[in-house]
Protein backbone atom coordinates (compact mmCIF):
# COMPACT_ATOMS: atom_id res chain seq x y z
CA MET A 1 18.58 45.29 0.29
CA LEU A 2 17.38 48.37 -1.61
CA ALA A 3 19.69 51.38 -1.60
CA TYR A 4 19.47 54.73 -3.40
CA THR A 5 22.79 55.08 -5.19
CA TYR A 6 24.86 57.89 -6.73
CA ILE A 7 25.83 56.82 -10.24
CA ASP A 8 27.23 59.97 -11.82
CA LYS A 9 26.45 63.67 -12.01
CA GLY A 10 22.68 64.08 -12.29
CA LYS A 11 21.96 60.37 -11.86
CA PHE A 12 20.74 58.41 -8.82
CA GLU A 13 19.28 54.90 -9.04
CA LEU A 14 17.60 52.49 -6.62
CA TRP A 15 19.88 49.45 -6.54
CA GLU A 16 19.82 46.06 -4.91
CA LYS A 17 22.94 45.81 -2.73
CA PRO A 18 24.29 43.35 -0.15
CA LYS A 19 23.36 44.04 3.45
CA PRO A 20 26.32 45.74 5.19
CA VAL A 21 28.44 43.84 7.72
CA VAL A 22 30.62 44.85 10.64
CA SER A 23 34.08 45.61 9.23
CA ASP A 24 35.58 47.18 12.37
CA GLN A 25 34.79 46.27 15.95
CA ARG A 26 33.66 49.88 16.57
CA ASP A 27 30.92 49.53 13.90
CA ALA A 28 27.19 49.06 14.30
CA ILE A 29 24.68 47.84 11.72
CA VAL A 30 21.40 49.74 11.85
CA ARG A 31 18.13 48.72 10.23
CA VAL A 32 16.84 52.05 8.92
CA THR A 33 13.19 52.79 9.68
CA LEU A 34 12.98 56.42 8.49
CA SER A 35 15.31 58.54 6.40
CA SER A 36 15.13 61.96 4.81
CA ILE A 37 16.42 63.94 1.85
CA CYS A 38 18.76 66.82 2.60
CA THR A 39 19.72 69.71 0.35
CA SER A 40 23.25 68.29 0.49
CA ASP A 41 21.94 65.18 -1.29
CA LEU A 42 20.76 67.45 -4.10
CA HIS A 43 24.23 69.01 -4.19
CA ILE A 44 25.67 65.51 -4.69
CA LYS A 45 23.22 64.79 -7.49
CA HIS A 46 24.14 68.02 -9.25
CA GLY A 47 27.88 67.30 -9.02
CA SER A 48 28.67 70.00 -6.43
CA VAL A 49 30.35 67.59 -4.00
CA PRO A 50 33.39 66.27 -5.91
CA ARG A 51 34.56 63.97 -3.08
CA THR A 52 31.40 61.85 -3.43
CA VAL A 53 32.31 58.30 -4.47
CA PRO A 54 30.35 56.91 -7.46
CA GLY A 55 28.35 53.87 -6.39
CA VAL A 56 27.86 55.13 -2.83
CA THR A 57 24.47 54.92 -1.14
CA VAL A 58 23.34 58.48 -0.41
CA GLY A 59 21.54 59.85 2.64
CA HIS A 60 22.76 61.14 6.00
CA GLU A 61 19.52 61.87 7.91
CA MET A 62 18.15 58.67 9.42
CA VAL A 63 16.86 56.80 12.43
CA GLY A 64 16.53 53.08 12.95
CA VAL A 65 17.07 50.02 15.14
CA VAL A 66 20.46 48.52 15.99
CA GLU A 67 20.81 45.03 14.51
CA GLN A 68 24.44 44.19 15.26
CA VAL A 69 27.42 45.80 17.01
CA GLY A 70 31.15 45.20 17.04
CA SER A 71 32.84 43.92 20.18
CA ASP A 72 34.22 47.38 21.06
CA VAL A 73 30.82 49.11 21.02
CA SER A 74 29.46 49.82 24.51
CA SER A 75 26.86 52.60 24.23
CA VAL A 76 24.19 50.74 22.23
CA LYS A 77 23.05 47.16 21.79
CA PRO A 78 20.88 45.23 19.31
CA GLY A 79 17.24 46.28 19.59
CA ASP A 80 17.95 49.89 20.60
CA ARG A 81 16.15 52.60 18.64
CA VAL A 82 18.77 55.14 17.60
CA THR A 83 19.32 58.36 15.74
CA VAL A 84 22.47 58.56 13.67
CA VAL A 85 24.76 61.48 14.52
CA ASN A 86 25.35 61.77 10.82
CA VAL A 87 26.36 65.37 10.23
CA GLU A 88 29.93 64.09 10.64
CA THR A 89 31.78 60.93 11.58
CA PHE A 90 34.24 61.42 14.43
CA CYS A 91 36.59 59.21 16.42
CA GLY A 92 36.14 60.79 19.86
CA GLU A 93 39.85 60.42 20.63
CA CYS A 94 41.88 63.00 18.68
CA PHE A 95 42.80 66.49 19.96
CA PHE A 96 39.81 68.15 18.28
CA CYS A 97 37.27 65.51 19.37
CA ARG A 98 38.46 65.71 22.99
CA HIS A 99 37.71 69.45 22.93
CA GLY A 100 34.27 68.96 21.36
CA TRP A 101 35.40 70.27 17.96
CA VAL A 102 34.32 67.10 16.21
CA ASN A 103 33.87 68.77 12.84
CA ASN A 104 37.67 68.82 12.59
CA CYS A 105 38.29 65.21 13.62
CA THR A 106 41.71 64.21 12.28
CA ASP A 107 40.91 60.53 11.81
CA PRO A 108 41.16 59.54 8.11
CA ASN A 109 37.56 58.35 8.25
CA GLY A 110 36.32 61.51 9.99
CA GLY A 111 34.20 64.30 8.54
CA TRP A 112 31.28 63.91 6.19
CA ALA A 113 31.46 60.20 5.43
CA LEU A 114 27.95 58.69 5.49
CA GLY A 115 26.19 59.18 2.19
CA CYS A 116 29.25 60.79 0.61
CA ARG A 117 32.39 58.67 0.97
CA ILE A 118 30.77 55.57 2.51
CA ASP A 119 27.27 54.13 2.13
CA GLY A 120 24.56 56.22 3.80
CA GLY A 121 21.02 55.81 5.01
CA GLN A 122 18.61 56.05 2.09
CA ALA A 123 18.64 52.28 2.28
CA GLU A 124 17.21 49.47 4.36
CA TYR A 125 20.43 49.04 6.35
CA VAL A 126 23.50 51.17 7.09
CA ARG A 127 26.89 50.54 8.68
CA VAL A 128 27.77 53.26 11.19
CA PRO A 129 31.49 53.65 12.06
CA TYR A 130 32.49 54.75 15.57
CA ALA A 131 29.07 53.73 16.82
CA ASP A 132 29.74 54.92 20.37
CA GLN A 133 30.05 58.46 18.99
CA GLY A 134 27.78 58.06 15.97
CA LEU A 135 24.57 56.76 17.58
CA ASN A 136 22.26 58.07 20.29
CA LYS A 137 19.42 56.10 21.87
CA ILE A 138 15.97 57.53 21.18
CA PRO A 139 13.82 57.86 24.33
CA ASP A 140 10.77 55.58 24.34
CA THR A 141 8.35 58.54 24.23
CA VAL A 142 10.04 60.11 21.18
CA THR A 143 8.86 59.02 17.72
CA ASP A 144 11.05 58.39 14.69
CA GLU A 145 9.65 61.54 13.10
CA GLN A 146 10.58 63.62 16.15
CA ALA A 147 14.15 62.26 16.17
CA LEU A 148 14.77 62.29 12.42
CA PHE A 149 16.64 65.62 12.19
CA VAL A 150 18.60 65.38 15.45
CA GLY A 151 21.90 64.49 13.80
CA ASP A 152 21.95 67.08 11.02
CA ILE A 153 19.81 70.20 10.69
CA LEU A 154 18.73 70.27 14.33
CA ALA A 155 22.34 69.74 15.41
CA THR A 156 23.27 72.71 13.23
CA GLY A 157 20.57 74.93 14.74
CA TYR A 158 21.48 73.93 18.29
CA TRP A 159 25.20 74.59 17.71
CA ALA A 160 24.52 77.93 15.99
CA ALA A 161 22.41 79.14 18.93
CA GLN A 162 24.97 77.85 21.41
CA ILE A 163 27.99 79.66 19.94
CA SER A 164 26.05 82.91 19.45
CA LYS A 165 26.01 83.70 23.19
CA ILE A 166 22.41 84.99 23.09
CA LYS A 167 21.18 86.86 26.16
CA GLN A 168 17.61 87.41 27.34
CA GLY A 169 17.53 91.12 26.44
CA ASP A 170 18.81 90.59 22.89
CA THR A 171 17.22 91.29 19.55
CA VAL A 172 18.15 88.33 17.32
CA LEU A 173 17.92 88.28 13.51
CA ILE A 174 17.82 84.92 11.73
CA ILE A 175 18.42 85.09 7.98
CA GLY A 176 16.87 82.09 6.26
CA ALA A 177 13.61 80.25 7.01
CA GLY A 178 14.36 76.95 5.34
CA PRO A 179 14.55 73.71 7.34
CA THR A 180 17.87 74.61 8.99
CA GLY A 181 16.61 78.14 9.65
CA ILE A 182 13.52 76.78 11.40
CA CYS A 183 15.65 74.44 13.52
CA THR A 184 17.86 77.41 14.39
CA LEU A 185 14.75 79.43 15.31
CA GLN A 186 13.56 76.71 17.69
CA CYS A 187 16.95 76.58 19.40
CA VAL A 188 17.26 80.37 19.61
CA ARG A 189 13.85 80.52 21.32
CA LEU A 190 15.27 78.34 24.11
CA LYS A 191 17.59 81.24 24.96
CA GLU A 192 14.57 83.53 25.54
CA PRO A 193 15.81 86.68 23.78
CA ARG A 194 13.54 89.72 23.88
CA ARG A 195 12.83 89.68 20.14
CA ILE A 196 13.44 87.35 17.22
CA ILE A 197 13.18 88.49 13.60
CA VAL A 198 13.23 86.01 10.72
CA CYS A 199 14.07 87.15 7.19
CA ASP A 200 13.48 85.16 4.00
CA LYS A 201 12.68 86.00 0.38
CA ASP A 202 10.13 83.19 0.07
CA PRO A 203 6.62 84.28 1.17
CA GLN A 204 5.60 80.65 1.77
CA ARG A 205 8.44 80.15 4.23
CA LEU A 206 7.58 83.35 6.06
CA GLN A 207 3.95 82.24 6.23
CA PHE A 208 5.11 78.95 7.75
CA VAL A 209 6.91 80.90 10.48
CA CYS A 210 3.79 83.02 11.09
CA ASP A 211 1.58 79.94 11.30
CA TYR A 212 3.74 77.98 13.75
CA TYR A 213 5.52 80.80 15.61
CA PRO A 214 3.08 83.74 15.76
CA ASP A 215 5.25 85.60 18.28
CA ILE A 216 8.11 85.92 15.76
CA LEU A 217 8.51 88.98 13.52
CA THR A 218 8.95 88.15 9.83
CA VAL A 219 10.26 90.28 6.98
CA GLY A 220 11.53 90.11 3.40
CA PRO A 221 15.05 91.19 2.34
CA GLU A 222 13.91 94.59 1.04
CA GLN A 223 12.52 95.70 4.42
CA VAL A 224 14.84 93.86 6.80
CA LYS A 225 17.17 96.79 7.62
CA ASP A 226 14.29 99.10 8.46
CA LEU A 227 12.52 96.51 10.61
CA VAL A 228 15.67 95.61 12.52
CA GLN A 229 16.34 99.29 13.17
CA ALA A 230 12.77 99.80 14.37
CA TYR A 231 12.95 96.92 16.85
CA SER A 232 16.55 97.40 18.04
CA ASP A 233 17.73 99.72 20.78
CA HIS A 234 21.31 100.18 19.66
CA GLY A 235 21.36 100.52 15.88
CA GLY A 236 20.98 96.91 14.87
CA ALA A 237 20.52 93.34 16.01
CA ASP A 238 22.55 92.14 18.99
CA VAL A 239 23.03 88.76 17.33
CA VAL A 240 22.64 87.79 13.66
CA LEU A 241 22.54 84.17 12.50
CA GLU A 242 23.10 83.69 8.76
CA VAL A 243 21.51 80.39 7.71
CA ALA A 244 20.48 81.19 4.13
CA GLY A 245 23.67 81.18 2.06
CA GLY A 246 22.23 83.47 -0.61
CA MET A 247 24.01 85.83 -2.96
CA ASP A 248 23.65 88.88 -0.71
CA THR A 249 22.87 87.37 2.68
CA PHE A 250 26.38 87.63 4.14
CA ARG A 251 26.44 91.38 3.54
CA MET A 252 22.92 91.63 4.90
CA ALA A 253 24.04 89.85 8.08
CA TRP A 254 26.82 92.23 9.05
CA GLU A 255 24.99 95.34 7.85
CA CYS A 256 22.00 94.51 10.11
CA ALA A 257 24.21 93.91 13.15
CA ARG A 258 24.75 96.65 15.74
CA PRO A 259 28.32 97.64 16.69
CA ASN A 260 30.03 94.96 18.81
CA ALA A 261 27.43 92.37 17.80
CA ILE A 262 27.98 88.68 17.14
CA VAL A 263 27.44 87.49 13.56
CA THR A 264 27.18 83.70 13.32
CA VAL A 265 27.48 82.18 9.84
CA VAL A 266 26.45 78.53 9.44
CA ALA A 267 25.26 78.88 5.83
CA LEU A 268 27.03 77.19 2.94
CA TYR A 269 27.84 79.42 -0.04
CA ASN A 270 28.31 78.50 -3.66
CA GLY A 271 31.14 81.01 -4.05
CA PRO A 272 33.56 83.22 -2.10
CA GLN A 273 32.20 86.02 0.05
CA VAL A 274 33.68 89.52 0.33
CA LEU A 275 34.76 90.86 3.72
CA PRO A 276 34.85 94.64 3.10
CA LEU A 277 36.90 95.66 6.14
CA PRO A 278 37.00 99.40 5.31
CA GLU A 279 33.18 99.52 5.26
CA MET A 280 32.76 97.65 8.53
CA TYR A 281 35.70 99.31 10.30
CA GLY A 282 34.63 100.53 13.71
CA LYS A 283 31.68 98.16 14.06
CA ASN A 284 33.94 95.83 16.04
CA LEU A 285 31.95 92.77 15.04
CA THR A 286 32.68 89.23 16.19
CA PHE A 287 32.23 86.63 13.44
CA LYS A 288 31.66 82.96 14.27
CA THR A 289 31.53 80.55 11.38
CA GLY A 290 32.20 77.00 10.30
CA GLY A 291 30.86 73.48 10.18
CA VAL A 292 28.68 72.25 13.02
CA ASP A 293 30.24 70.33 15.90
CA GLY A 294 27.43 67.78 16.10
CA CYS A 295 28.15 66.32 19.51
CA ASN A 296 25.13 67.64 21.45
CA CYS A 297 22.56 65.19 20.14
CA ALA A 298 21.89 63.61 23.53
CA GLU A 299 20.92 67.05 24.82
CA THR A 300 18.59 67.76 21.92
CA LEU A 301 16.90 64.39 22.36
CA LYS A 302 16.21 65.30 26.01
CA LEU A 303 14.74 68.62 24.88
CA ILE A 304 12.52 66.79 22.39
CA GLU A 305 11.42 64.36 25.10
CA ALA A 306 10.58 67.33 27.35
CA GLY A 307 8.48 68.95 24.61
CA LYS A 308 10.82 71.93 24.19
CA LEU A 309 11.84 71.08 20.61
CA ASP A 310 9.60 69.64 17.89
CA THR A 311 10.58 69.58 14.22
CA THR A 312 7.84 67.26 12.98
CA SER A 313 6.02 70.14 11.27
CA LEU A 314 8.91 70.30 8.79
CA ILE A 315 7.95 66.88 7.39
CA THR A 316 5.40 67.82 4.77
CA HIS A 317 5.57 64.64 2.69
CA THR A 318 6.41 60.97 3.26
CA TYR A 319 7.24 58.41 0.55
CA PRO A 320 8.17 54.73 0.61
CA LEU A 321 11.71 53.90 -0.49
CA CYS A 322 10.43 52.37 -3.72
CA LYS A 323 9.12 55.81 -4.76
CA ILE A 324 12.18 57.81 -3.74
CA ASP A 325 12.65 59.12 -7.31
CA GLU A 326 9.27 60.87 -6.96
CA ALA A 327 10.32 62.31 -3.61
CA TYR A 328 13.49 63.81 -5.10
CA ALA A 329 11.53 65.29 -8.01
CA LEU A 330 9.10 66.91 -5.58
CA LEU A 331 11.88 68.43 -3.50
CA GLU A 332 13.94 69.60 -6.47
CA GLY A 333 10.87 71.25 -8.00
CA ARG A 334 9.82 72.74 -4.64
CA ARG A 335 6.25 71.72 -5.43
CA ASP A 336 3.19 71.34 -3.24
CA GLY A 337 4.58 73.41 -0.36
CA VAL A 338 7.32 70.87 0.33
CA ILE A 339 9.75 71.55 3.16
CA LYS A 340 11.21 68.17 4.14
CA VAL A 341 10.48 64.72 2.72
CA ALA A 342 10.70 61.60 4.87
CA ILE A 343 11.48 58.22 3.32
CA ARG A 344 9.92 55.22 5.03
CA MET A 345 11.54 51.83 4.49
CA GLU A 346 9.62 48.95 3.05
CA GLY A 347 7.67 47.08 5.70
CA GLU A 348 7.76 49.98 8.14
CA HIS A 349 4.35 51.34 9.10
CA VAL A 350 3.15 54.35 11.06
């Protein structure tokens, strides 16, 4: 089978590899129909993820069809269309998994495994460990494109909105209008706050928000404090979600929050952030931060089926696996208005 493979820093290649087999009775083998490129894949390529194993197949956003399952797998069977809950691998049995904190699964194989430590989904087939936790059936009325982001960026957006305790009268500020920011926006809208403001430095991203979500206020970093003040009743946003991970976006998040607000940080930063307690003393802020607990994918699939979530507009380009080098070059160069790139496997047709 063809598989896009991490060779060394700055180097990926499309290799011919053996088709994966069941190596544990909790495994499933999935024939991938559609995959995607995540920013984290670019981090691997640039050497920013040191735990990545050379020779591993990359990719952790994917959907497909179950081909084979181990004898201990009970939730899916061969022939089922599935989305891979790929933002983390989790056992479902340890203390943290039992409490829904699957990001901190203590199993040695837990955490970010697919496409980092074990072969991922930018390939024609993938082995999924702990298949009962790692796969969700896709409803018949939901397309591959609609389900593609359920296990990663949509899981992040759903979790961020969930832990932020948003109320209907709130003014909510979302910092970052990239793919994860847009998924967060969709999930925040489900909470029906009074106002949502989206901030980004990229005019194209803000225009995307205006085009698809005309009821949302948009603003650049230079004007964000003034706009939040103008549309807030108590000196700042009731809830701030930081999804950008920029140089100054953490400070922006807590500065734009009203006293006693919730500041949720799901962004990844390239360096340490400063927590200037003397400056924020008296604001009595509640910070919520960390890696997504991606165990709500069944719920998001139901919301997609009901027409309440739809991330297909994020897919601006689709390439066959044989041209995946071109897809990476497009995304890295941020050309042609690219947001997300889907990778269709050979022999799969719309």
